[in-house]
Amino acid sequence: MYLTGDIKKSFFNEHGKSDIDTGSPEGQVALFTFRIKHLTEHLKQNKKDLATQRSLVRLVGKRKKLLAYLKDKDIERYRSIIKKLNIRK
C-alpha cells in the first residue's frame, strides 16, 4: 500500500506535535492532502473509477471541515499549515 505506518508517523511528526499525536488538525490535514494528491493522480489515469472519485470528494470535504475548524480556532495555525502544504493560492 502507498501509505504505510512510517509515512503516517512522518506526517504527524512534521506537521503535528509528535508522531503519536494523530489527532492534531495539522497532521490530519497533511495526511488528507497526501491522500488527495495520490487519488488525483490515480483518477487522471482511470477516469471511469467512480468509487475513487467518490472517495476523493469525501476526503476533500473532510479536509475542508478540518481547515474551517482550524481557521475558527487559531488563525495563525491555519495560515501556517496552508503555507506549508501549499493548498490555496
PDB file of N, CA and C in Angstrom:
ATOM      1  N   MET A   1       0.841  -1.182   0.000  1.00  0.00           N
ATOM      2  CA  MET A   1       0.000   0.000   0.000  1.00  0.00           C
ATOM      3  C   MET A   1       0.886   1.245   0.000  1.00  0.00           C
ATOM      4  N   TYR A   2       0.387   2.287  -0.530  1.00  0.00           N
ATOM      5  CA  TYR A   2       1.170   3.519  -0.668  1.00  0.00           C
ATOM      6  C   TYR A   2       1.320   4.276   0.638  1.00  0.00           C
ATOM      7  N   LEU A   3       0.494   3.990   1.626  1.00  0.00           N
ATOM      8  CA  LEU A   3       0.504   4.740   2.875  1.00  0.00           C
ATOM      9  C   LEU A   3       0.803   3.789   4.028  1.00  0.00           C
ATOM     10  N   THR A   4       2.066   3.703   4.407  1.00  0.00           N
ATOM     11  CA  THR A   4       2.474   2.810   5.488  1.00  0.00           C
ATOM     12  C   THR A   4       2.494   3.567   6.814  1.00  0.00           C
ATOM     13  N   GLY A   5       2.705   2.836   7.876  1.00  0.00           N
ATOM     14  CA  GLY A   5       2.756   3.447   9.198  1.00  0.00           C
ATOM     15  C   GLY A   5       3.899   4.432   9.354  1.00  0.00           C
ATOM     16  N   ASP A   6       5.007   4.135   8.708  1.00  0.00           N
ATOM     17  CA  ASP A   6       6.158   5.044   8.789  1.00  0.00           C
ATOM     18  C   ASP A   6       5.870   6.373   8.107  1.00  0.00           C
ATOM     19  N   ILE A   7       5.181   6.312   6.983  1.00  0.00           N
ATOM     20  CA  ILE A   7       4.833   7.552   6.274  1.00  0.00           C
ATOM     21  C   ILE A   7       3.870   8.376   7.117  1.00  0.00           C
ATOM     22  N   LYS A   8       2.894   7.720   7.732  1.00  0.00           N
ATOM     23  CA  LYS A   8       1.946   8.435   8.586  1.00  0.00           C
ATOM     24  C   LYS A   8       2.662   9.095   9.762  1.00  0.00           C
ATOM     25  N   LYS A   9       3.581   8.351  10.390  1.00  0.00           N
ATOM     26  CA  LYS A   9       4.322   8.911  11.521  1.00  0.00           C
ATOM     27  C   LYS A   9       5.127  10.130  11.102  1.00  0.00           C
ATOM     28  N   SER A  10       5.702  10.078   9.905  1.00  0.00           N
ATOM     29  CA  SER A  10       6.491  11.225   9.450  1.00  0.00           C
ATOM     30  C   SER A  10       5.609  12.458   9.234  1.00  0.00           C
ATOM     31  N   PHE A  11       4.380  12.248   8.714  1.00  0.00           N
ATOM     32  CA  PHE A  11       3.461  13.375   8.535  1.00  0.00           C
ATOM     33  C   PHE A  11       3.085  13.985   9.882  1.00  0.00           C
ATOM     34  N   PHE A  12       2.735  13.135  10.847  1.00  0.00           N
ATOM     35  CA  PHE A  12       2.329  13.648  12.145  1.00  0.00           C
ATOM     36  C   PHE A  12       3.504  14.249  12.903  1.00  0.00           C
ATOM     37  N   ASN A  13       4.699  13.724  12.679  1.00  0.00           N
ATOM     38  CA  ASN A  13       5.885  14.277  13.330  1.00  0.00           C
ATOM     39  C   ASN A  13       6.232  15.636  12.746  1.00  0.00           C
ATOM     40  N   GLU A  14       6.094  15.771  11.434  1.00  0.00           N
ATOM     41  CA  GLU A  14       6.461  17.015  10.771  1.00  0.00           C
ATOM     42  C   GLU A  14       5.424  18.117  10.970  1.00  0.00           C
ATOM     43  N   HIS A  15       4.140  17.767  10.899  1.00  0.00           N
ATOM     44  CA  HIS A  15       3.092  18.790  10.935  1.00  0.00           C
ATOM     45  C   HIS A  15       2.353  18.855  12.259  1.00  0.00           C
ATOM     46  N   GLY A  16       2.366  17.782  13.031  1.00  0.00           N
ATOM     47  CA  GLY A  16       1.691  17.768  14.319  1.00  0.00           C
ATOM     48  C   GLY A  16       2.648  18.082  15.446  1.00  0.00           C
ATOM     49  N   LYS A  17       2.238  17.715  16.648  1.00  0.00           N
ATOM     50  CA  LYS A  17       3.087  17.950  17.804  1.00  0.00           C
ATOM     51  C   LYS A  17       4.130  16.857  17.950  1.00  0.00           C
ATOM     52  N   SER A  18       3.718  15.606  17.701  1.00  0.00           N
ATOM     53  CA  SER A  18       4.646  14.481  17.757  1.00  0.00           C
ATOM     54  C   SER A  18       4.122  13.389  16.839  1.00  0.00           C
ATOM     55  N   ASP A  19       4.898  12.300  16.701  1.00  0.00           N
ATOM     56  CA  ASP A  19       4.478  11.246  15.784  1.00  0.00           C
ATOM     57  C   ASP A  19       3.338  10.393  16.338  1.00  0.00           C
ATOM     58  N   ILE A  20       3.085  10.474  17.642  1.00  0.00           N
ATOM     59  CA  ILE A  20       1.969   9.715  18.202  1.00  0.00           C
ATOM     60  C   ILE A  20       0.728  10.577  18.410  1.00  0.00           C
ATOM     61  N   ASP A  21       0.813  11.868  18.160  1.00  0.00           N
ATOM     62  CA  ASP A  21      -0.338  12.770  18.272  1.00  0.00           C
ATOM     63  C   ASP A  21      -1.074  12.777  16.934  1.00  0.00           C
ATOM     64  N   THR A  22      -1.919  11.760  16.722  1.00  0.00           N
ATOM     65  CA  THR A  22      -2.615  11.630  15.440  1.00  0.00           C
ATOM     66  C   THR A  22      -3.887  12.457  15.385  1.00  0.00           C
ATOM     67  N   GLY A  23      -4.249  13.112  16.465  1.00  0.00           N
ATOM     68  CA  GLY A  23      -5.483  13.876  16.488  1.00  0.00           C
ATOM     69  C   GLY A  23      -5.318  15.340  16.151  1.00  0.00           C
ATOM     70  N   SER A  24      -4.102  15.792  15.958  1.00  0.00           N
ATOM     71  CA  SER A  24      -3.908  17.213  15.675  1.00  0.00           C
ATOM     72  C   SER A  24      -4.450  17.548  14.285  1.00  0.00           C
ATOM     73  N   PRO A  25      -5.156  18.660  14.158  1.00  0.00           N
ATOM     74  CA  PRO A  25      -5.730  19.022  12.867  1.00  0.00           C
ATOM     75  C   PRO A  25      -4.675  19.219  11.779  1.00  0.00           C
ATOM     76  N   GLU A  26      -3.508  19.742  12.156  1.00  0.00           N
ATOM     77  CA  GLU A  26      -2.464  19.964  11.162  1.00  0.00           C
ATOM     78  C   GLU A  26      -1.980  18.644  10.570  1.00  0.00           C
ATOM     79  N   GLY A  27      -1.778  17.664  11.417  1.00  0.00           N
ATOM     80  CA  GLY A  27      -1.332  16.351  10.949  1.00  0.00           C
ATOM     81  C   GLY A  27      -2.378  15.682  10.071  1.00  0.00           C
ATOM     82  N   GLN A  28      -3.642  15.793  10.472  1.00  0.00           N
ATOM     83  CA  GLN A  28      -4.706  15.192   9.683  1.00  0.00           C
ATOM     84  C   GLN A  28      -4.845  15.871   8.328  1.00  0.00           C
ATOM     85  N   VAL A  29      -4.731  17.188   8.303  1.00  0.00           N
ATOM     86  CA  VAL A  29      -4.821  17.916   7.031  1.00  0.00           C
ATOM     87  C   VAL A  29      -3.664  17.522   6.116  1.00  0.00           C
ATOM     88  N   ALA A  30      -2.475  17.364   6.674  1.00  0.00           N
ATOM     89  CA  ALA A  30      -1.321  16.955   5.876  1.00  0.00           C
ATOM     90  C   ALA A  30      -1.533  15.553   5.302  1.00  0.00           C
ATOM     91  N   LEU A  31      -2.056  14.651   6.110  1.00  0.00           N
ATOM     92  CA  LEU A  31      -2.319  13.289   5.651  1.00  0.00           C
ATOM     93  C   LEU A  31      -3.403  13.278   4.580  1.00  0.00           C
ATOM     94  N   PHE A  32      -4.466  14.043   4.788  1.00  0.00           N
ATOM     95  CA  PHE A  32      -5.532  14.124   3.780  1.00  0.00           C
ATOM     96  C   PHE A  32      -5.013  14.712   2.476  1.00  0.00           C
ATOM     97  N   THR A  33      -4.138  15.706   2.564  1.00  0.00           N
ATOM     98  CA  THR A  33      -3.577  16.316   1.366  1.00  0.00           C
ATOM     99  C   THR A  33      -2.748  15.312   0.581  1.00  0.00           C
ATOM    100  N   PHE A  34      -1.958  14.504   1.277  1.00  0.00           N
ATOM    101  CA  PHE A  34      -1.179  13.456   0.614  1.00  0.00           C
ATOM    102  C   PHE A  34      -2.100  12.465  -0.094  1.00  0.00           C
ATOM    103  N   ARG A  35      -3.155  12.043   0.605  1.00  0.00           N
ATOM    104  CA  ARG A  35      -4.091  11.092   0.004  1.00  0.00           C
ATOM    105  C   ARG A  35      -4.843  11.703  -1.172  1.00  0.00           C
ATOM    106  N   ILE A  36      -5.201  12.979  -1.076  1.00  0.00           N
ATOM    107  CA  ILE A  36      -5.907  13.660  -2.164  1.00  0.00           C
ATOM    108  C   ILE A  36      -5.026  13.723  -3.410  1.00  0.00           C
ATOM    109  N   LYS A  37      -3.751  14.045  -3.222  1.00  0.00           N
ATOM    110  CA  LYS A  37      -2.839  14.086  -4.368  1.00  0.00           C
ATOM    111  C   LYS A  37      -2.688  12.713  -5.002  1.00  0.00           C
ATOM    112  N   HIS A  38      -2.608  11.679  -4.176  1.00  0.00           N
ATOM    113  CA  HIS A  38      -2.476  10.318  -4.695  1.00  0.00           C
ATOM    114  C   HIS A  38      -3.720   9.913  -5.481  1.00  0.00           C
ATOM    115  N   LEU A  39      -4.904  10.188  -4.946  1.00  0.00           N
ATOM    116  CA  LEU A  39      -6.145   9.827  -5.639  1.00  0.00           C
ATOM    117  C   LEU A  39      -6.336  10.645  -6.912  1.00  0.00           C
ATOM    118  N   THR A  40      -5.891  11.874  -6.903  1.00  0.00           N
ATOM    119  CA  THR A  40      -5.993  12.708  -8.103  1.00  0.00           C
ATOM    120  C   THR A  40      -5.153  12.137  -9.230  1.00  0.00           C
ATOM    121  N   GLU A  41      -3.937  11.702  -8.898  1.00  0.00           N
ATOM    122  CA  GLU A  41      -3.085  11.065  -9.920  1.00  0.00           C
ATOM    123  C   GLU A  41      -3.713   9.775 -10.435  1.00  0.00           C
ATOM    124  N   HIS A  42      -4.326   9.016  -9.549  1.00  0.00           N
ATOM    125  CA  HIS A  42      -4.990   7.775  -9.948  1.00  0.00           C
ATOM    126  C   HIS A  42      -6.152   8.071 -10.900  1.00  0.00           C
ATOM    127  N   LEU A  43      -6.901   9.121 -10.598  1.00  0.00           N
ATOM    128  CA  LEU A  43      -8.061   9.447 -11.430  1.00  0.00           C
ATOM    129  C   LEU A  43      -7.668  10.032 -12.786  1.00  0.00           C
ATOM    130  N   LYS A  44      -6.481  10.587 -12.881  1.00  0.00           N
ATOM    131  CA  LYS A  44      -6.031  11.074 -14.189  1.00  0.00           C
ATOM    132  C   LYS A  44      -5.833   9.917 -15.157  1.00  0.00           C
ATOM    133  N   GLN A  45      -5.439   8.756 -14.638  1.00  0.00           N
ATOM    134  CA  GLN A  45      -5.231   7.593 -15.493  1.00  0.00           C
ATOM    135  C   GLN A  45      -6.495   6.751 -15.626  1.00  0.00           C
ATOM    136  N   ASN A  46      -7.334   6.725 -14.593  1.00  0.00           N
ATOM    137  CA  ASN A  46      -8.538   5.899 -14.576  1.00  0.00           C
ATOM    138  C   ASN A  46      -9.759   6.796 -14.425  1.00  0.00           C
ATOM    139  N   LYS A  47     -10.176   7.389 -15.508  1.00  0.00           N
ATOM    140  CA  LYS A  47     -11.236   8.395 -15.472  1.00  0.00           C
ATOM    141  C   LYS A  47     -12.599   7.827 -15.073  1.00  0.00           C
ATOM    142  N   LYS A  48     -12.833   6.560 -15.291  1.00  0.00           N
ATOM    143  CA  LYS A  48     -14.150   5.980 -15.030  1.00  0.00           C
ATOM    144  C   LYS A  48     -14.259   5.298 -13.670  1.00  0.00           C
ATOM    145  N   ASP A  49     -13.278   5.469 -12.823  1.00  0.00           N
ATOM    146  CA  ASP A  49     -13.291   4.869 -11.497  1.00  0.00           C
ATOM    147  C   ASP A  49     -14.132   5.740 -10.563  1.00  0.00           C
ATOM    148  N   LEU A  50     -15.416   5.444 -10.511  1.00  0.00           N
ATOM    149  CA  LEU A  50     -16.342   6.291  -9.767  1.00  0.00           C
ATOM    150  C   LEU A  50     -16.204   6.121  -8.255  1.00  0.00           C
ATOM    151  N   ALA A  51     -15.803   4.956  -7.789  1.00  0.00           N
ATOM    152  CA  ALA A  51     -15.614   4.746  -6.358  1.00  0.00           C
ATOM    153  C   ALA A  51     -14.467   5.616  -5.833  1.00  0.00           C
ATOM    154  N   THR A  52     -13.401   5.682  -6.586  1.00  0.00           N
ATOM    155  CA  THR A  52     -12.278   6.533  -6.189  1.00  0.00           C
ATOM    156  C   THR A  52     -12.668   8.003  -6.267  1.00  0.00           C
ATOM    157  N   GLN A  53     -13.464   8.353  -7.248  1.00  0.00           N
ATOM    158  CA  GLN A  53     -13.916   9.728  -7.384  1.00  0.00           C
ATOM    159  C   GLN A  53     -14.763  10.136  -6.173  1.00  0.00           C
ATOM    160  N   ARG A  54     -15.627   9.225  -5.740  1.00  0.00           N
ATOM    161  CA  ARG A  54     -16.452   9.498  -4.560  1.00  0.00           C
ATOM    162  C   ARG A  54     -15.577   9.628  -3.321  1.00  0.00           C
ATOM    163  N   SER A  55     -14.589   8.770  -3.185  1.00  0.00           N
ATOM    164  CA  SER A  55     -13.673   8.842  -2.049  1.00  0.00           C
ATOM    165  C   SER A  55     -12.906  10.162  -2.041  1.00  0.00           C
ATOM    166  N   LEU A  56     -12.508  10.604  -3.218  1.00  0.00           N
ATOM    167  CA  LEU A  56     -11.782  11.869  -3.325  1.00  0.00           C
ATOM    168  C   LEU A  56     -12.650  13.031  -2.874  1.00  0.00           C
ATOM    169  N   VAL A  57     -13.899  13.038  -3.289  1.00  0.00           N
ATOM    170  CA  VAL A  57     -14.814  14.115  -2.899  1.00  0.00           C
ATOM    171  C   VAL A  57     -15.033  14.110  -1.384  1.00  0.00           C
ATOM    172  N   ARG A  58     -15.156  12.922  -0.792  1.00  0.00           N
ATOM    173  CA  ARG A  58     -15.325  12.821   0.654  1.00  0.00           C
ATOM    174  C   ARG A  58     -14.088  13.334   1.390  1.00  0.00           C
ATOM    175  N   LEU A  59     -12.909  12.991   0.895  1.00  0.00           N
ATOM    176  CA  LEU A  59     -11.670  13.449   1.527  1.00  0.00           C
ATOM    177  C   LEU A  59     -11.524  14.968   1.459  1.00  0.00           C
ATOM    178  N   VAL A  60     -11.885  15.532   0.320  1.00  0.00           N
ATOM    179  CA  VAL A  60     -11.802  16.989   0.172  1.00  0.00           C
ATOM    180  C   VAL A  60     -12.759  17.658   1.160  1.00  0.00           C
ATOM    181  N   GLY A  61     -13.936  17.075   1.335  1.00  0.00           N
ATOM    182  CA  GLY A  61     -14.893  17.611   2.294  1.00  0.00           C
ATOM    183  C   GLY A  61     -14.387  17.530   3.729  1.00  0.00           C
ATOM    184  N   LYS A  62     -13.772  16.406   4.080  1.00  0.00           N
ATOM    185  CA  LYS A  62     -13.213  16.256   5.429  1.00  0.00           C
ATOM    186  C   LYS A  62     -12.110  17.279   5.676  1.00  0.00           C
ATOM    187  N   ARG A  63     -11.247  17.446   4.667  1.00  0.00           N
ATOM    188  CA  ARG A  63     -10.154  18.413   4.821  1.00  0.00           C
ATOM    189  C   ARG A  63     -10.703  19.828   4.950  1.00  0.00           C
ATOM    190  N   LYS A  64     -11.745  20.120   4.191  1.00  0.00           N
ATOM    191  CA  LYS A  64     -12.358  21.442   4.242  1.00  0.00           C
ATOM    192  C   LYS A  64     -12.940  21.727   5.625  1.00  0.00           C
ATOM    193  N   LYS A  65     -13.584  20.717   6.211  1.00  0.00           N
ATOM    194  CA  LYS A  65     -14.146  20.892   7.549  1.00  0.00           C
ATOM    195  C   LYS A  65     -13.053  21.092   8.591  1.00  0.00           C
ATOM    196  N   LEU A  66     -11.979  20.322   8.484  1.00  0.00           N
ATOM    197  CA  LEU A  66     -10.874  20.478   9.425  1.00  0.00           C
ATOM    198  C   LEU A  66     -10.222  21.848   9.294  1.00  0.00           C
ATOM    199  N   LEU A  67     -10.065  22.319   8.067  1.00  0.00           N
ATOM    200  CA  LEU A  67      -9.469  23.640   7.875  1.00  0.00           C
ATOM    201  C   LEU A  67     -10.388  24.739   8.393  1.00  0.00           C
ATOM    202  N   ALA A  68     -11.698  24.572   8.244  1.00  0.00           N
ATOM    203  CA  ALA A  68     -12.638  25.560   8.781  1.00  0.00           C
ATOM    204  C   ALA A  68     -12.566  25.586  10.306  1.00  0.00           C
ATOM    205  N   TYR A  69     -12.457  24.406  10.916  1.00  0.00           N
ATOM    206  CA  TYR A  69     -12.306  24.318  12.370  1.00  0.00           C
ATOM    207  C   TYR A  69     -11.035  25.021  12.820  1.00  0.00           C
ATOM    208  N   LEU A  70      -9.955  24.739  12.116  1.00  0.00           N
ATOM    209  CA  LEU A  70      -8.673  25.325  12.482  1.00  0.00           C
ATOM    210  C   LEU A  70      -8.684  26.843  12.289  1.00  0.00           C
ATOM    211  N   LYS A  71      -9.369  27.286  11.260  1.00  0.00           N
ATOM    212  CA  LYS A  71      -9.464  28.724  10.987  1.00  0.00           C
ATOM    213  C   LYS A  71     -10.230  29.435  12.106  1.00  0.00           C
ATOM    214  N   ASP A  72     -11.295  28.815  12.601  1.00  0.00           N
ATOM    215  CA  ASP A  72     -12.061  29.412  13.690  1.00  0.00           C
ATOM    216  C   ASP A  72     -11.310  29.356  15.015  1.00  0.00           C
ATOM    217  N   LYS A  73     -10.552  28.279  15.213  1.00  0.00           N
ATOM    218  CA  LYS A  73      -9.878  28.064  16.491  1.00  0.00           C
ATOM    219  C   LYS A  73      -8.619  28.927  16.633  1.00  0.00           C
ATOM    220  N   ASP A  74      -7.755  28.876  15.604  1.00  0.00           N
ATOM    221  CA  ASP A  74      -6.482  29.605  15.674  1.00  0.00           C
ATOM    222  C   ASP A  74      -6.050  29.953  14.247  1.00  0.00           C
ATOM    223  N   ILE A  75      -6.193  31.199  13.879  1.00  0.00           N
ATOM    224  CA  ILE A  75      -5.945  31.641  12.502  1.00  0.00           C
ATOM    225  C   ILE A  75      -4.480  31.510  12.113  1.00  0.00           C
ATOM    226  N   GLU A  76      -3.557  31.654  13.074  1.00  0.00           N
ATOM    227  CA  GLU A  76      -2.132  31.552  12.758  1.00  0.00           C
ATOM    228  C   GLU A  76      -1.746  30.126  12.402  1.00  0.00           C
ATOM    229  N   ARG A  77      -2.278  29.146  13.128  1.00  0.00           N
ATOM    230  CA  ARG A  77      -2.014  27.749  12.796  1.00  0.00           C
ATOM    231  C   ARG A  77      -2.588  27.417  11.421  1.00  0.00           C
ATOM    232  N   TYR A  78      -3.760  27.966  11.133  1.00  0.00           N
ATOM    233  CA  TYR A  78      -4.398  27.767   9.823  1.00  0.00           C
ATOM    234  C   TYR A  78      -3.513  28.308   8.710  1.00  0.00           C
ATOM    235  N   ARG A  79      -3.031  29.522   8.889  1.00  0.00           N
ATOM    236  CA  ARG A  79      -2.193  30.142   7.855  1.00  0.00           C
ATOM    237  C   ARG A  79      -0.883  29.394   7.655  1.00  0.00           C
ATOM    238  N   SER A  80      -0.308  28.904   8.751  1.00  0.00           N
ATOM    239  CA  SER A  80       0.958  28.191   8.628  1.00  0.00           C
ATOM    240  C   SER A  80       0.788  26.857   7.904  1.00  0.00           C
ATOM    241  N   ILE A  81      -0.287  26.121   8.175  1.00  0.00           N
ATOM    242  CA  ILE A  81      -0.483  24.830   7.510  1.00  0.00           C
ATOM    243  C   ILE A  81      -0.829  25.028   6.037  1.00  0.00           C
ATOM    244  N   ILE A  82      -1.572  26.079   5.735  1.00  0.00           N
ATOM    245  CA  ILE A  82      -1.890  26.382   4.334  1.00  0.00           C
ATOM    246  C   ILE A  82      -0.607  26.700   3.572  1.00  0.00           C
ATOM    247  N   LYS A  83       0.269  27.454   4.200  1.00  0.00           N
ATOM    248  CA  LYS A  83       1.516  27.846   3.550  1.00  0.00           C
ATOM    249  C   LYS A  83       2.451  26.644   3.396  1.00  0.00           C
ATOM    250  N   LYS A  84       2.548  25.798   4.436  1.00  0.00           N
ATOM    251  CA  LYS A  84       3.428  24.628   4.379  1.00  0.00           C
ATOM    252  C   LYS A  84       3.007  23.661   3.286  1.00  0.00           C
ATOM    253  N   LEU A  85       1.706  23.402   3.198  1.00  0.00           N
ATOM    254  CA  LEU A  85       1.212  22.402   2.257  1.00  0.00           C
ATOM    255  C   LEU A  85       0.909  22.975   0.881  1.00  0.00           C
ATOM    256  N   ASN A  86       0.952  24.296   0.781  1.00  0.00           N
ATOM    257  CA  ASN A  86       0.678  24.981  -0.499  1.00  0.00           C
ATOM    258  C   ASN A  86      -0.689  24.563  -1.057  1.00  0.00           C
ATOM    259  N   ILE A  87      -1.710  24.668  -0.210  1.00  0.00           N
ATOM    260  CA  ILE A  87      -3.059  24.249  -0.591  1.00  0.00           C
ATOM    261  C   ILE A  87      -3.761  25.333  -1.391  1.00  0.00           C
ATOM    262  N   ARG A  88      -3.805  26.522  -0.846  1.00  0.00           N
ATOM    263  CA  ARG A  88      -4.539  27.605  -1.530  1.00  0.00           C
ATOM    264  C   ARG A  88      -3.524  28.555  -2.161  1.00  0.00           C
ATOM    265  N   LYS A  89      -3.927  29.135  -3.248  1.00  0.00           N
ATOM    266  CA  LYS A  89      -3.031  30.043  -3.971  1.00  0.00           C
ATOM    267  C   LYS A  89      -3.321  31.481  -3.577  1.00  0.00           C
TER     268      LYS A  89
END
